[in-house]
């Protein structure tokens, strides 16, 4: 197995990880920003106020994006295991 092949698989692994985590992180970021703006305008400084909307938003995003994320992950795993004989030799 060549170093270029290892770097290619690592690069594809990092890219797949970013694609899988991206929708959930962006959802949490957007909801956190909206809650922060709401807290700033109403002058409510409760630290735990942002947790419930973030949890609910991430769960909704997981339901929406879950099948796509699972398909992406299984495709990546299939690609790795289908080339398994090249890793040994």
C-alpha atoms as a PDB file:
ATOM      1  CA  UNK A   1       0.000   0.000   0.000  1.00  0.00           C
ATOM      2  CA  UNK A   2       1.486   3.291  -1.085  1.00  0.00           C
ATOM      3  CA  UNK A   3       1.607   6.489   0.955  1.00  0.00           C
ATOM      4  CA  UNK A   4      -0.528   8.201  -1.690  1.00  0.00           C
ATOM      5  CA  UNK A   5      -3.248   5.606  -1.157  1.00  0.00           C
ATOM      6  CA  UNK A   6      -3.186   6.107   2.616  1.00  0.00           C
ATOM      7  CA  UNK A   7      -3.372   9.877   2.213  1.00  0.00           C
ATOM      8  CA  UNK A   8      -6.243   9.495  -0.242  1.00  0.00           C
ATOM      9  CA  UNK A   9      -8.244   7.306   2.152  1.00  0.00           C
ATOM     10  CA  UNK A  10      -7.520   9.657   5.047  1.00  0.00           C
ATOM     11  CA  UNK A  11      -8.600  12.640   2.971  1.00  0.00           C
ATOM     12  CA  UNK A  12     -11.802  10.900   1.933  1.00  0.00           C
ATOM     13  CA  UNK A  13     -12.430   9.905   5.571  1.00  0.00           C
ATOM     14  CA  UNK A  14     -12.058  13.472   6.814  1.00  0.00           C
ATOM     15  CA  UNK A  15     -14.284  14.779   4.013  1.00  0.00           C
ATOM     16  CA  UNK A  16     -16.938  12.161   4.799  1.00  0.00           C
ATOM     17  CA  UNK A  17     -16.791  13.075   8.483  1.00  0.00           C
ATOM     18  CA  UNK A  18     -17.297  16.752   7.663  1.00  0.00           C
ATOM     19  CA  UNK A  19     -20.217  15.950   5.386  1.00  0.00           C
ATOM     20  CA  UNK A  20     -21.863  13.779   8.024  1.00  0.00           C
ATOM     21  CA  UNK A  21     -21.368  16.214  10.911  1.00  0.00           C
ATOM     22  CA  UNK A  22     -21.987  19.381   8.896  1.00  0.00           C
ATOM     23  CA  UNK A  23     -25.790  19.533   8.850  1.00  0.00           C
ATOM     24  CA  UNK A  24     -26.057  18.897  12.584  1.00  0.00           C
ATOM     25  CA  UNK A  25     -23.361  21.416  13.470  1.00  0.00           C
ATOM     26  CA  UNK A  26     -24.806  24.086  11.201  1.00  0.00           C
ATOM     27  CA  UNK A  27     -28.260  23.512  12.696  1.00  0.00           C
ATOM     28  CA  UNK A  28     -26.912  23.842  16.238  1.00  0.00           C
ATOM     29  CA  UNK A  29     -24.978  26.959  15.243  1.00  0.00           C
ATOM     30  CA  UNK A  30     -28.010  28.633  13.661  1.00  0.00           C
ATOM     31  CA  UNK A  31     -30.271  27.847  16.607  1.00  0.00           C
ATOM     32  CA  UNK A  32     -27.633  29.000  19.077  1.00  0.00           C
ATOM     33  CA  UNK A  33     -27.252  32.260  17.193  1.00  0.00           C
ATOM     34  CA  UNK A  34     -31.015  32.808  17.125  1.00  0.00           C
ATOM     35  CA  UNK A  35     -31.318  32.106  20.855  1.00  0.00           C
ATOM     36  CA  UNK A  36     -28.392  34.438  21.567  1.00  0.00           C
ATOM     37  CA  UNK A  37     -30.025  37.251  19.598  1.00  0.00           C
ATOM     38  CA  UNK A  38     -33.290  36.599  21.464  1.00  0.00           C
ATOM     39  CA  UNK A  39     -31.470  36.678  24.801  1.00  0.00           C
ATOM     40  CA  UNK A  40     -29.680  39.882  23.898  1.00  0.00           C
ATOM     41  CA  UNK A  41     -32.860  41.661  22.836  1.00  0.00           C
ATOM     42  CA  UNK A  42     -34.880  40.556  25.863  1.00  0.00           C
ATOM     43  CA  UNK A  43     -31.948  40.802  28.292  1.00  0.00           C
ATOM     44  CA  UNK A  44     -32.585  37.283  29.572  1.00  0.00           C
ATOM     45  CA  UNK A  45     -29.220  35.910  30.650  1.00  0.00           C
ATOM     46  CA  UNK A  46     -30.142  32.313  31.414  1.00  0.00           C
ATOM     47  CA  UNK A  47     -27.349  29.989  30.270  1.00  0.00           C
ATOM     48  CA  UNK A  48     -29.508  26.878  30.072  1.00  0.00           C
ATOM     49  CA  UNK A  49     -32.089  28.483  27.747  1.00  0.00           C
ATOM     50  CA  UNK A  50     -30.184  27.510  24.602  1.00  0.00           C
ATOM     51  CA  UNK A  51     -29.955  23.778  25.357  1.00  0.00           C
ATOM     52  CA  UNK A  52     -33.553  22.701  24.744  1.00  0.00           C
ATOM     53  CA  UNK A  53     -33.941  24.436  21.343  1.00  0.00           C
ATOM     54  CA  UNK A  54     -30.542  23.110  20.237  1.00  0.00           C
ATOM     55  CA  UNK A  55     -31.383  19.564  21.266  1.00  0.00           C
ATOM     56  CA  UNK A  56     -34.750  19.725  19.528  1.00  0.00           C
ATOM     57  CA  UNK A  57     -33.231  21.259  16.393  1.00  0.00           C
ATOM     58  CA  UNK A  58     -30.451  18.699  16.176  1.00  0.00           C
ATOM     59  CA  UNK A  59     -32.948  15.858  16.634  1.00  0.00           C
ATOM     60  CA  UNK A  60     -35.129  17.263  13.844  1.00  0.00           C
ATOM     61  CA  UNK A  61     -32.074  17.684  11.627  1.00  0.00           C
ATOM     62  CA  UNK A  62     -31.060  14.109  12.438  1.00  0.00           C
ATOM     63  CA  UNK A  63     -34.470  12.849  11.357  1.00  0.00           C
ATOM     64  CA  UNK A  64     -34.310  14.894   8.140  1.00  0.00           C
ATOM     65  CA  UNK A  65     -30.671  14.252   7.222  1.00  0.00           C
ATOM     66  CA  UNK A  66     -30.289  10.831   8.883  1.00  0.00           C
ATOM     67  CA  UNK A  67     -30.980   8.645   5.838  1.00  0.00           C
ATOM     68  CA  UNK A  68     -28.575  10.688   3.696  1.00  0.00           C
ATOM     69  CA  UNK A  69     -25.908  10.554   6.400  1.00  0.00           C
ATOM     70  CA  UNK A  70     -26.332   6.792   6.785  1.00  0.00           C
ATOM     71  CA  UNK A  71     -26.123   6.266   3.027  1.00  0.00           C
ATOM     72  CA  UNK A  72     -22.945   8.356   2.866  1.00  0.00           C
ATOM     73  CA  UNK A  73     -21.355   6.420   5.723  1.00  0.00           C
ATOM     74  CA  UNK A  74     -22.294   2.996   4.356  1.00  0.00           C
ATOM     75  CA  UNK A  75     -20.973   3.945   0.911  1.00  0.00           C
ATOM     76  CA  UNK A  76     -17.653   4.991   2.443  1.00  0.00           C
ATOM     77  CA  UNK A  77     -17.458   1.772   4.499  1.00  0.00           C
ATOM     78  CA  UNK A  78     -18.315  -0.322   1.431  1.00  0.00           C
ATOM     79  CA  UNK A  79     -15.562   1.406  -0.554  1.00  0.00           C
ATOM     80  CA  UNK A  80     -13.027   0.659   2.172  1.00  0.00           C
ATOM     81  CA  UNK A  81     -14.029  -2.982   2.597  1.00  0.00           C
ATOM     82  CA  UNK A  82     -14.219  -3.627  -1.132  1.00  0.00           C
ATOM     83  CA  UNK A  83     -10.552  -2.595  -1.458  1.00  0.00           C
ATOM     84  CA  UNK A  84      -9.521  -4.594   1.595  1.00  0.00           C
ATOM     85  CA  UNK A  85      -7.350  -6.984  -0.406  1.00  0.00           C
ATOM     86  CA  UNK A  86      -5.265  -4.023  -1.617  1.00  0.00           C
ATOM     87  CA  UNK A  87      -4.554  -3.051   2.000  1.00  0.00           C
ATOM     88  CA  UNK A  88      -3.052  -6.433   2.845  1.00  0.00           C
ATOM     89  CA  UNK A  89      -0.825  -6.847  -0.189  1.00  0.00           C
END
